[in-house]
Every structure is written in structure tokens, then in C-alpha cells.
Amino acid sequence: MVDAAIVPIPKQHNTREENRQIKVGDSPEACGDNKRRQKNVAARWTMKHGKTHCGYKSRIGIDRKHKVIRKYAVTSAEVHGSKVFE
């Protein structure tokens, strides 16, 4: 059995240029060092029940017979569950 939960992040107030840089994989250059440390550049957006969420997905794979957690993974929110576990 596999279960997933969305782990939200605090809202970030980025400009369009900062969002473009984050999507490319760069850190926003216009920010100072202190502000850049607070930017979460690895989190992504996903839709769940018609609502958008930004953050990460925490997934666990459980062995039903023995009731033991066999696998655990944390990914950005846009990664589909079929890509994580076999």
C-alpha cells in the first residue's frame, strides 16, 4: 500500500522574473544573501481536488501483511506517485 501527503511551504511573494529564474533552476540574483536563503527553489506546484498546492509530497510504502513501512520518499509536489515506487 502506498500513501502520499502534501507538505505545504509558506507562501512566497516572488516577482515573475524570480519565478522564471527558479523554474530554470537558478537562484534569484536580484535578492540579497539573506532573502535568497529564505527562497524555497525546490518546491513545485500541483493540483489536488481542483485546488493548487505548492510544496512537497511525502510518500510511504507499507507492507500490509506485516504492517511495516518498507519505503519512504520525499519529492517535489509535481512528481507523480507512479514515478516514485515500482
PDB file of N, CA and C in Angstrom:
ATOM      1  N   MET A   1       0.846  -1.170   0.000  1.00  0.00           N
ATOM      2  CA  MET A   1       0.000   0.000   0.000  1.00  0.00           C
ATOM      3  C   MET A   1       0.891   1.233   0.000  1.00  0.00           C
ATOM      4  N   VAL A   2       0.533   2.222  -0.785  1.00  0.00           N
ATOM      5  CA  VAL A   2       1.287   3.466  -0.874  1.00  0.00           C
ATOM      6  C   VAL A   2       0.370   4.623  -0.517  1.00  0.00           C
ATOM      7  N   ASP A   3       0.869   5.558   0.275  1.00  0.00           N
ATOM      8  CA  ASP A   3       0.098   6.730   0.653  1.00  0.00           C
ATOM      9  C   ASP A   3       0.965   7.961   0.477  1.00  0.00           C
ATOM     10  N   ALA A   4       0.347   9.089   0.120  1.00  0.00           N
ATOM     11  CA  ALA A   4       1.085  10.332  -0.076  1.00  0.00           C
ATOM     12  C   ALA A   4       0.369  11.470   0.634  1.00  0.00           C
ATOM     13  N   ALA A   5       1.148  12.425   1.123  1.00  0.00           N
ATOM     14  CA  ALA A   5       0.605  13.616   1.767  1.00  0.00           C
ATOM     15  C   ALA A   5       1.362  14.834   1.244  1.00  0.00           C
ATOM     16  N   ILE A   6       0.641  15.910   1.015  1.00  0.00           N
ATOM     17  CA  ILE A   6       1.280  17.149   0.567  1.00  0.00           C
ATOM     18  C   ILE A   6       1.800  17.899   1.785  1.00  0.00           C
ATOM     19  N   VAL A   7       3.041  18.319   1.704  1.00  0.00           N
ATOM     20  CA  VAL A   7       3.673  19.108   2.763  1.00  0.00           C
ATOM     21  C   VAL A   7       3.779  20.535   2.228  1.00  0.00           C
ATOM     22  N   PRO A   8       2.930  21.448   2.695  1.00  0.00           N
ATOM     23  CA  PRO A   8       2.943  22.814   2.144  1.00  0.00           C
ATOM     24  C   PRO A   8       4.140  23.615   2.644  1.00  0.00           C
ATOM     25  N   ILE A   9       4.475  24.645   1.876  1.00  0.00           N
ATOM     26  CA  ILE A   9       5.528  25.582   2.286  1.00  0.00           C
ATOM     27  C   ILE A   9       4.869  26.939   2.506  1.00  0.00           C
ATOM     28  N   PRO A  10       5.516  27.834   3.251  1.00  0.00           N
ATOM     29  CA  PRO A  10       4.967  29.178   3.404  1.00  0.00           C
ATOM     30  C   PRO A  10       4.892  29.876   2.050  1.00  0.00           C
ATOM     31  N   LYS A  11       3.875  30.714   1.864  1.00  0.00           N
ATOM     32  CA  LYS A  11       3.719  31.441   0.604  1.00  0.00           C
ATOM     33  C   LYS A  11       4.934  32.314   0.353  1.00  0.00           C
ATOM     34  N   GLN A  12       5.364  32.312  -0.893  1.00  0.00           N
ATOM     35  CA  GLN A  12       6.495  33.134  -1.289  1.00  0.00           C
ATOM     36  C   GLN A  12       5.993  34.199  -2.248  1.00  0.00           C
ATOM     37  N   HIS A  13       6.430  35.385  -2.049  1.00  0.00           N
ATOM     38  CA  HIS A  13       5.990  36.504  -2.876  1.00  0.00           C
ATOM     39  C   HIS A  13       7.111  36.831  -3.857  1.00  0.00           C
ATOM     40  N   ASN A  14       7.157  36.053  -4.942  1.00  0.00           N
ATOM     41  CA  ASN A  14       8.175  36.223  -5.961  1.00  0.00           C
ATOM     42  C   ASN A  14       7.636  37.071  -7.100  1.00  0.00           C
ATOM     43  N   THR A  15       8.535  37.798  -7.751  1.00  0.00           N
ATOM     44  CA  THR A  15       8.159  38.503  -8.972  1.00  0.00           C
ATOM     45  C   THR A  15       8.140  37.489 -10.108  1.00  0.00           C
ATOM     46  N   ARG A  16       7.613  37.881 -11.251  1.00  0.00           N
ATOM     47  CA  ARG A  16       7.582  36.975 -12.404  1.00  0.00           C
ATOM     48  C   ARG A  16       8.993  36.616 -12.845  1.00  0.00           C
ATOM     49  N   GLU A  17       9.888  37.565 -12.776  1.00  0.00           N
ATOM     50  CA  GLU A  17      11.282  37.299 -13.155  1.00  0.00           C
ATOM     51  C   GLU A  17      11.925  36.299 -12.198  1.00  0.00           C
ATOM     52  N   GLU A  18      11.670  36.434 -10.905  1.00  0.00           N
ATOM     53  CA  GLU A  18      12.200  35.476  -9.927  1.00  0.00           C
ATOM     54  C   GLU A  18      11.630  34.080 -10.163  1.00  0.00           C
ATOM     55  N   ASN A  19      10.324  33.994 -10.470  1.00  0.00           N
ATOM     56  CA  ASN A  19       9.711  32.699 -10.766  1.00  0.00           C
ATOM     57  C   ASN A  19      10.326  32.063 -12.006  1.00  0.00           C
ATOM     58  N   ARG A  20      10.611  32.875 -13.023  1.00  0.00           N
ATOM     59  CA  ARG A  20      11.238  32.357 -14.233  1.00  0.00           C
ATOM     60  C   ARG A  20      12.618  31.792 -13.918  1.00  0.00           C
ATOM     61  N   GLN A  21      13.394  32.502 -13.119  1.00  0.00           N
ATOM     62  CA  GLN A  21      14.728  32.041 -12.744  1.00  0.00           C
ATOM     63  C   GLN A  21      14.660  30.759 -11.912  1.00  0.00           C
ATOM     64  N   ILE A  22      13.693  30.658 -11.025  1.00  0.00           N
ATOM     65  CA  ILE A  22      13.552  29.469 -10.188  1.00  0.00           C
ATOM     66  C   ILE A  22      13.192  28.259 -11.046  1.00  0.00           C
ATOM     67  N   LYS A  23      12.288  28.432 -12.037  1.00  0.00           N
ATOM     68  CA  LYS A  23      11.908  27.320 -12.905  1.00  0.00           C
ATOM     69  C   LYS A  23      13.087  26.812 -13.723  1.00  0.00           C
ATOM     70  N   VAL A  24      13.965  27.716 -14.119  1.00  0.00           N
ATOM     71  CA  VAL A  24      15.147  27.322 -14.892  1.00  0.00           C
ATOM     72  C   VAL A  24      16.141  26.586 -14.003  1.00  0.00           C
ATOM     73  N   GLY A  25      16.093  26.836 -12.706  1.00  0.00           N
ATOM     74  CA  GLY A  25      17.000  26.172 -11.774  1.00  0.00           C
ATOM     75  C   GLY A  25      18.004  27.115 -11.146  1.00  0.00           C
ATOM     76  N   ASP A  26      17.914  28.394 -11.470  1.00  0.00           N
ATOM     77  CA  ASP A  26      18.820  29.383 -10.894  1.00  0.00           C
ATOM     78  C   ASP A  26      18.220  29.970  -9.626  1.00  0.00           C
ATOM     79  N   SER A  27      19.063  30.568  -8.822  1.00  0.00           N
ATOM     80  CA  SER A  27      18.612  31.300  -7.653  1.00  0.00           C
ATOM     81  C   SER A  27      18.389  32.749  -8.071  1.00  0.00           C
ATOM     82  N   PRO A  28      17.331  33.399  -7.596  1.00  0.00           N
ATOM     83  CA  PRO A  28      17.095  34.790  -7.978  1.00  0.00           C
ATOM     84  C   PRO A  28      18.292  35.678  -7.639  1.00  0.00           C
ATOM     85  N   GLU A  29      18.814  36.373  -8.646  1.00  0.00           N
ATOM     86  CA  GLU A  29      20.022  37.166  -8.461  1.00  0.00           C
ATOM     87  C   GLU A  29      19.745  38.525  -7.830  1.00  0.00           C
ATOM     88  N   ALA A  30      18.545  39.048  -8.015  1.00  0.00           N
ATOM     89  CA  ALA A  30      18.236  40.388  -7.515  1.00  0.00           C
ATOM     90  C   ALA A  30      18.142  40.426  -5.994  1.00  0.00           C
ATOM     91  N   CYS A  31      17.967  39.292  -5.368  1.00  0.00           N
ATOM     92  CA  CYS A  31      17.821  39.225  -3.914  1.00  0.00           C
ATOM     93  C   CYS A  31      19.181  39.312  -3.238  1.00  0.00           C
ATOM     94  N   GLY A  32      19.171  39.837  -2.031  1.00  0.00           N
ATOM     95  CA  GLY A  32      20.373  39.813  -1.215  1.00  0.00           C
ATOM     96  C   GLY A  32      20.587  38.410  -0.661  1.00  0.00           C
ATOM     97  N   ASP A  33      21.712  38.198  -0.003  1.00  0.00           N
ATOM     98  CA  ASP A  33      22.026  36.869   0.530  1.00  0.00           C
ATOM     99  C   ASP A  33      20.997  36.390   1.540  1.00  0.00           C
ATOM    100  N   ASN A  34      20.556  37.272   2.444  1.00  0.00           N
ATOM    101  CA  ASN A  34      19.587  36.865   3.466  1.00  0.00           C
ATOM    102  C   ASN A  34      18.254  36.460   2.855  1.00  0.00           C
ATOM    103  N   LYS A  35      17.775  37.223   1.890  1.00  0.00           N
ATOM    104  CA  LYS A  35      16.493  36.908   1.252  1.00  0.00           C
ATOM    105  C   LYS A  35      16.621  35.648   0.396  1.00  0.00           C
ATOM    106  N   ARG A  36      17.744  35.452  -0.276  1.00  0.00           N
ATOM    107  CA  ARG A  36      17.949  34.279  -1.120  1.00  0.00           C
ATOM    108  C   ARG A  36      17.945  32.993  -0.296  1.00  0.00           C
ATOM    109  N   ARG A  37      18.451  33.040   0.925  1.00  0.00           N
ATOM    110  CA  ARG A  37      18.446  31.862   1.797  1.00  0.00           C
ATOM    111  C   ARG A  37      17.026  31.439   2.174  1.00  0.00           C
ATOM    112  N   GLN A  38      16.091  32.376   2.154  1.00  0.00           N
ATOM    113  CA  GLN A  38      14.720  32.084   2.551  1.00  0.00           C
ATOM    114  C   GLN A  38      13.846  31.623   1.387  1.00  0.00           C
ATOM    115  N   LYS A  39      14.354  31.696   0.168  1.00  0.00           N
ATOM    116  CA  LYS A  39      13.594  31.264  -1.004  1.00  0.00           C
ATOM    117  C   LYS A  39      13.655  29.751  -1.118  1.00  0.00           C
ATOM    118  N   ASN A  40      12.521  29.136  -1.295  1.00  0.00           N
ATOM    119  CA  ASN A  40      12.460  27.692  -1.469  1.00  0.00           C
ATOM    120  C   ASN A  40      12.393  27.421  -2.969  1.00  0.00           C
ATOM    121  N   VAL A  41      13.503  27.026  -3.565  1.00  0.00           N
ATOM    122  CA  VAL A  41      13.556  26.856  -5.013  1.00  0.00           C
ATOM    123  C   VAL A  41      13.285  25.424  -5.452  1.00  0.00           C
ATOM    124  N   ALA A  42      13.173  24.474  -4.546  1.00  0.00           N
ATOM    125  CA  ALA A  42      12.945  23.074  -4.919  1.00  0.00           C
ATOM    126  C   ALA A  42      11.466  22.692  -4.895  1.00  0.00           C
ATOM    127  N   ALA A  43      10.627  23.437  -4.203  1.00  0.00           N
ATOM    128  CA  ALA A  43       9.202  23.112  -4.125  1.00  0.00           C
ATOM    129  C   ALA A  43       8.519  23.438  -5.448  1.00  0.00           C
ATOM    130  N   ARG A  44       7.469  22.679  -5.775  1.00  0.00           N
ATOM    131  CA  ARG A  44       6.729  22.882  -7.013  1.00  0.00           C
ATOM    132  C   ARG A  44       5.233  22.832  -6.743  1.00  0.00           C
ATOM    133  N   TRP A  45       4.458  23.196  -7.778  1.00  0.00           N
ATOM    134  CA  TRP A  45       3.002  23.259  -7.679  1.00  0.00           C
ATOM    135  C   TRP A  45       2.367  21.966  -8.166  1.00  0.00           C
ATOM    136  N   THR A  46       1.204  21.640  -7.591  1.00  0.00           N
ATOM    137  CA  THR A  46       0.407  20.506  -8.033  1.00  0.00           C
ATOM    138  C   THR A  46      -1.066  20.823  -7.808  1.00  0.00           C
ATOM    139  N   MET A  47      -1.942  20.047  -8.461  1.00  0.00           N
ATOM    140  CA  MET A  47      -3.382  20.188  -8.268  1.00  0.00           C
ATOM    141  C   MET A  47      -3.895  18.976  -7.498  1.00  0.00           C
ATOM    142  N   LYS A  48      -4.760  19.222  -6.520  1.00  0.00           N
ATOM    143  CA  LYS A  48      -5.410  18.144  -5.787  1.00  0.00           C
ATOM    144  C   LYS A  48      -6.844  18.578  -5.492  1.00  0.00           C
ATOM    145  N   HIS A  49      -7.788  17.814  -5.986  1.00  0.00           N
ATOM    146  CA  HIS A  49      -9.216  18.111  -5.821  1.00  0.00           C
ATOM    147  C   HIS A  49      -9.563  19.508  -6.329  1.00  0.00           C
ATOM    148  N   GLY A  50      -8.964  19.912  -7.448  1.00  0.00           N
ATOM    149  CA  GLY A  50      -9.262  21.199  -8.062  1.00  0.00           C
ATOM    150  C   GLY A  50      -8.589  22.397  -7.418  1.00  0.00           C
ATOM    151  N   LYS A  51      -7.740  22.181  -6.433  1.00  0.00           N
ATOM    152  CA  LYS A  51      -7.038  23.283  -5.769  1.00  0.00           C
ATOM    153  C   LYS A  51      -5.535  23.142  -6.015  1.00  0.00           C
ATOM    154  N   THR A  52      -4.864  24.280  -6.125  1.00  0.00           N
ATOM    155  CA  THR A  52      -3.419  24.242  -6.323  1.00  0.00           C
ATOM    156  C   THR A  52      -2.706  24.278  -4.970  1.00  0.00           C
ATOM    157  N   HIS A  53      -1.627  23.520  -4.889  1.00  0.00           N
ATOM    158  CA  HIS A  53      -0.819  23.443  -3.677  1.00  0.00           C
ATOM    159  C   HIS A  53       0.641  23.563  -4.077  1.00  0.00           C
ATOM    160  N   CYS A  54       1.416  24.267  -3.265  1.00  0.00           N
ATOM    161  CA  CYS A  54       2.848  24.387  -3.508  1.00  0.00           C
ATOM    162  C   CYS A  54       3.580  23.734  -2.353  1.00  0.00           C
ATOM    163  N   GLY A  55       4.545  22.893  -2.685  1.00  0.00           N
ATOM    164  CA  GLY A  55       5.309  22.249  -1.628  1.00  0.00           C
ATOM    165  C   GLY A  55       5.932  20.956  -2.080  1.00  0.00           C
ATOM    166  N   TYR A  56       5.874  19.969  -1.208  1.00  0.00           N
ATOM    167  CA  TYR A  56       6.486  18.663  -1.432  1.00  0.00           C
ATOM    168  C   TYR A  56       5.448  17.579  -1.190  1.00  0.00           C
ATOM    169  N   LYS A  57       5.751  16.364  -1.648  1.00  0.00           N
ATOM    170  CA  LYS A  57       4.921  15.208  -1.330  1.00  0.00           C
ATOM    171  C   LYS A  57       5.763  14.228  -0.534  1.00  0.00           C
ATOM    172  N   SER A  58       5.213  13.789   0.561  1.00  0.00           N
ATOM    173  CA  SER A  58       5.842  12.788   1.407  1.00  0.00           C
ATOM    174  C   SER A  58       5.101  11.480   1.164  1.00  0.00           C
ATOM    175  N   ARG A  59       5.837  10.442   0.751  1.00  0.00           N
ATOM    176  CA  ARG A  59       5.203   9.166   0.408  1.00  0.00           C
ATOM    177  C   ARG A  59       5.776   8.038   1.259  1.00  0.00           C
ATOM    178  N   ILE A  60       4.891   7.094   1.604  1.00  0.00           N
ATOM    179  CA  ILE A  60       5.352   5.898   2.304  1.00  0.00           C
ATOM    180  C   ILE A  60       4.769   4.679   1.610  1.00  0.00           C
ATOM    181  N   GLY A  61       5.540   3.610   1.603  1.00  0.00           N
ATOM    182  CA  GLY A  61       5.086   2.321   1.103  1.00  0.00           C
ATOM    183  C   GLY A  61       5.013   1.363   2.280  1.00  0.00           C
ATOM    184  N   ILE A  62       3.821   0.805   2.522  1.00  0.00           N
ATOM    185  CA  ILE A  62       3.595  -0.033   3.702  1.00  0.00           C
ATOM    186  C   ILE A  62       3.348  -1.481   3.271  1.00  0.00           C
ATOM    187  N   ASP A  63       3.938  -2.405   3.992  1.00  0.00           N
ATOM    188  CA  ASP A  63       3.674  -3.829   3.811  1.00  0.00           C
ATOM    189  C   ASP A  63       2.428  -4.154   4.631  1.00  0.00           C
ATOM    190  N   ARG A  64       1.316  -4.458   3.946  1.00  0.00           N
ATOM    191  CA  ARG A  64       0.052  -4.701   4.646  1.00  0.00           C
ATOM    192  C   ARG A  64       0.103  -5.920   5.561  1.00  0.00           C
ATOM    193  N   LYS A  65       0.786  -6.937   5.117  1.00  0.00           N
ATOM    194  CA  LYS A  65       0.812  -8.176   5.886  1.00  0.00           C
ATOM    195  C   LYS A  65       1.520  -7.993   7.223  1.00  0.00           C
ATOM    196  N   HIS A  66       2.674  -7.344   7.194  1.00  0.00           N
ATOM    197  CA  HIS A  66       3.473  -7.195   8.410  1.00  0.00           C
ATOM    198  C   HIS A  66       3.301  -5.832   9.090  1.00  0.00           C
ATOM    199  N   LYS A  67       2.560  -4.922   8.447  1.00  0.00           N
ATOM    200  CA  LYS A  67       2.296  -3.575   8.976  1.00  0.00           C
ATOM    201  C   LYS A  67       3.589  -2.827   9.300  1.00  0.00           C
ATOM    202  N   VAL A  68       4.492  -2.837   8.310  1.00  0.00           N
ATOM    203  CA  VAL A  68       5.794  -2.198   8.455  1.00  0.00           C
ATOM    204  C   VAL A  68       5.995  -1.241   7.278  1.00  0.00           C
ATOM    205  N   ILE A  69       6.563  -0.074   7.545  1.00  0.00           N
ATOM    206  CA  ILE A  69       6.910   0.856   6.475  1.00  0.00           C
ATOM    207  C   ILE A  69       8.146   0.323   5.768  1.00  0.00           C
ATOM    208  N   ARG A  70       8.022   0.046   4.466  1.00  0.00           N
ATOM    209  CA  ARG A  70       9.126  -0.516   3.685  1.00  0.00           C
ATOM    210  C   ARG A  70       9.887   0.549   2.906  1.00  0.00           C
ATOM    211  N   LYS A  71       9.191   1.570   2.429  1.00  0.00           N
ATOM    212  CA  LYS A  71       9.821   2.611   1.620  1.00  0.00           C
ATOM    213  C   LYS A  71       9.300   3.973   2.059  1.00  0.00           C
ATOM    214  N   TYR A  72      10.166   4.975   1.904  1.00  0.00           N
ATOM    215  CA  TYR A  72       9.804   6.349   2.249  1.00  0.00           C
ATOM    216  C   TYR A  72      10.490   7.277   1.256  1.00  0.00           C
ATOM    217  N   ALA A  73       9.772   8.268   0.747  1.00  0.00           N
ATOM    218  CA  ALA A  73      10.368   9.200  -0.212  1.00  0.00           C
ATOM    219  C   ALA A  73       9.724  10.567  -0.067  1.00  0.00           C
ATOM    220  N   VAL A  74      10.521  11.602  -0.255  1.00  0.00           N
ATOM    221  CA  VAL A  74      10.036  12.978  -0.287  1.00  0.00           C
ATOM    222  C   VAL A  74      10.467  13.567  -1.623  1.00  0.00           C
ATOM    223  N   THR A  75       9.485  14.066  -2.390  1.00  0.00           N
ATOM    224  CA  THR A  75       9.770  14.663  -3.685  1.00  0.00           C
ATOM    225  C   THR A  75       9.056  16.005  -3.780  1.00  0.00           C
ATOM    226  N   SER A  76       9.375  16.774  -4.818  1.00  0.00           N
ATOM    227  CA  SER A  76       8.609  17.990  -5.051  1.00  0.00           C
ATOM    228  C   SER A  76       7.198  17.577  -5.474  1.00  0.00           C
ATOM    229  N   ALA A  77       6.256  18.464  -5.327  1.00  0.00           N
ATOM    230  CA  ALA A  77       4.832  18.103  -5.445  1.00  0.00           C
ATOM    231  C   ALA A  77       4.419  17.662  -6.830  1.00  0.00           C
ATOM    232  N   GLU A  78       5.120  18.085  -7.888  1.00  0.00           N
ATOM    233  CA  GLU A  78       4.657  17.764  -9.232  1.00  0.00           C
ATOM    234  C   GLU A  78       4.986  16.343  -9.667  1.00  0.00           C
ATOM    235  N   VAL A  79       5.817  15.626  -8.935  1.00  0.00           N
ATOM    236  CA  VAL A  79       6.199  14.258  -9.302  1.00  0.00           C
ATOM    237  C   VAL A  79       5.029  13.312  -9.026  1.00  0.00           C
ATOM    238  N   HIS A  80       4.658  12.535 -10.047  1.00  0.00           N
ATOM    239  CA  HIS A  80       3.537  11.593  -9.921  1.00  0.00           C
ATOM    240  C   HIS A  80       3.951  10.379  -9.089  1.00  0.00           C
ATOM    241  N   GLY A  81       3.025   9.808  -8.356  1.00  0.00           N
ATOM    242  CA  GLY A  81       3.298   8.680  -7.477  1.00  0.00           C
ATOM    243  C   GLY A  81       3.827   7.454  -8.188  1.00  0.00           C
ATOM    244  N   SER A  82       3.429   7.250  -9.439  1.00  0.00           N
ATOM    245  CA  SER A  82       3.904   6.084 -10.185  1.00  0.00           C
ATOM    246  C   SER A  82       5.376   6.196 -10.533  1.00  0.00           C
ATOM    247  N   LYS A  83       5.947   7.379 -10.472  1.00  0.00           N
ATOM    248  CA  LYS A  83       7.364   7.581 -10.781  1.00  0.00           C
ATOM    249  C   LYS A  83       8.263   7.307  -9.589  1.00  0.00           C
ATOM    250  N   VAL A  84       7.690   7.219  -8.393  1.00  0.00           N
ATOM    251  CA  VAL A  84       8.487   7.084  -7.175  1.00  0.00           C
ATOM    252  C   VAL A  84       8.704   5.625  -6.798  1.00  0.00           C
ATOM    253  N   PHE A  85       7.614   4.869  -6.670  1.00  0.00           N
ATOM    254  CA  PHE A  85       7.696   3.464  -6.276  1.00  0.00           C
ATOM    255  C   PHE A  85       7.295   2.578  -7.435  1.00  0.00           C
ATOM    256  N   GLU A  86       7.848   1.390  -7.480  1.00  0.00           N
ATOM    257  CA  GLU A  86       7.504   0.427  -8.532  1.00  0.00           C
ATOM    258  C   GLU A  86       6.173  -0.219  -8.245  1.00  0.00           C
TER     259      GLU A  86
END
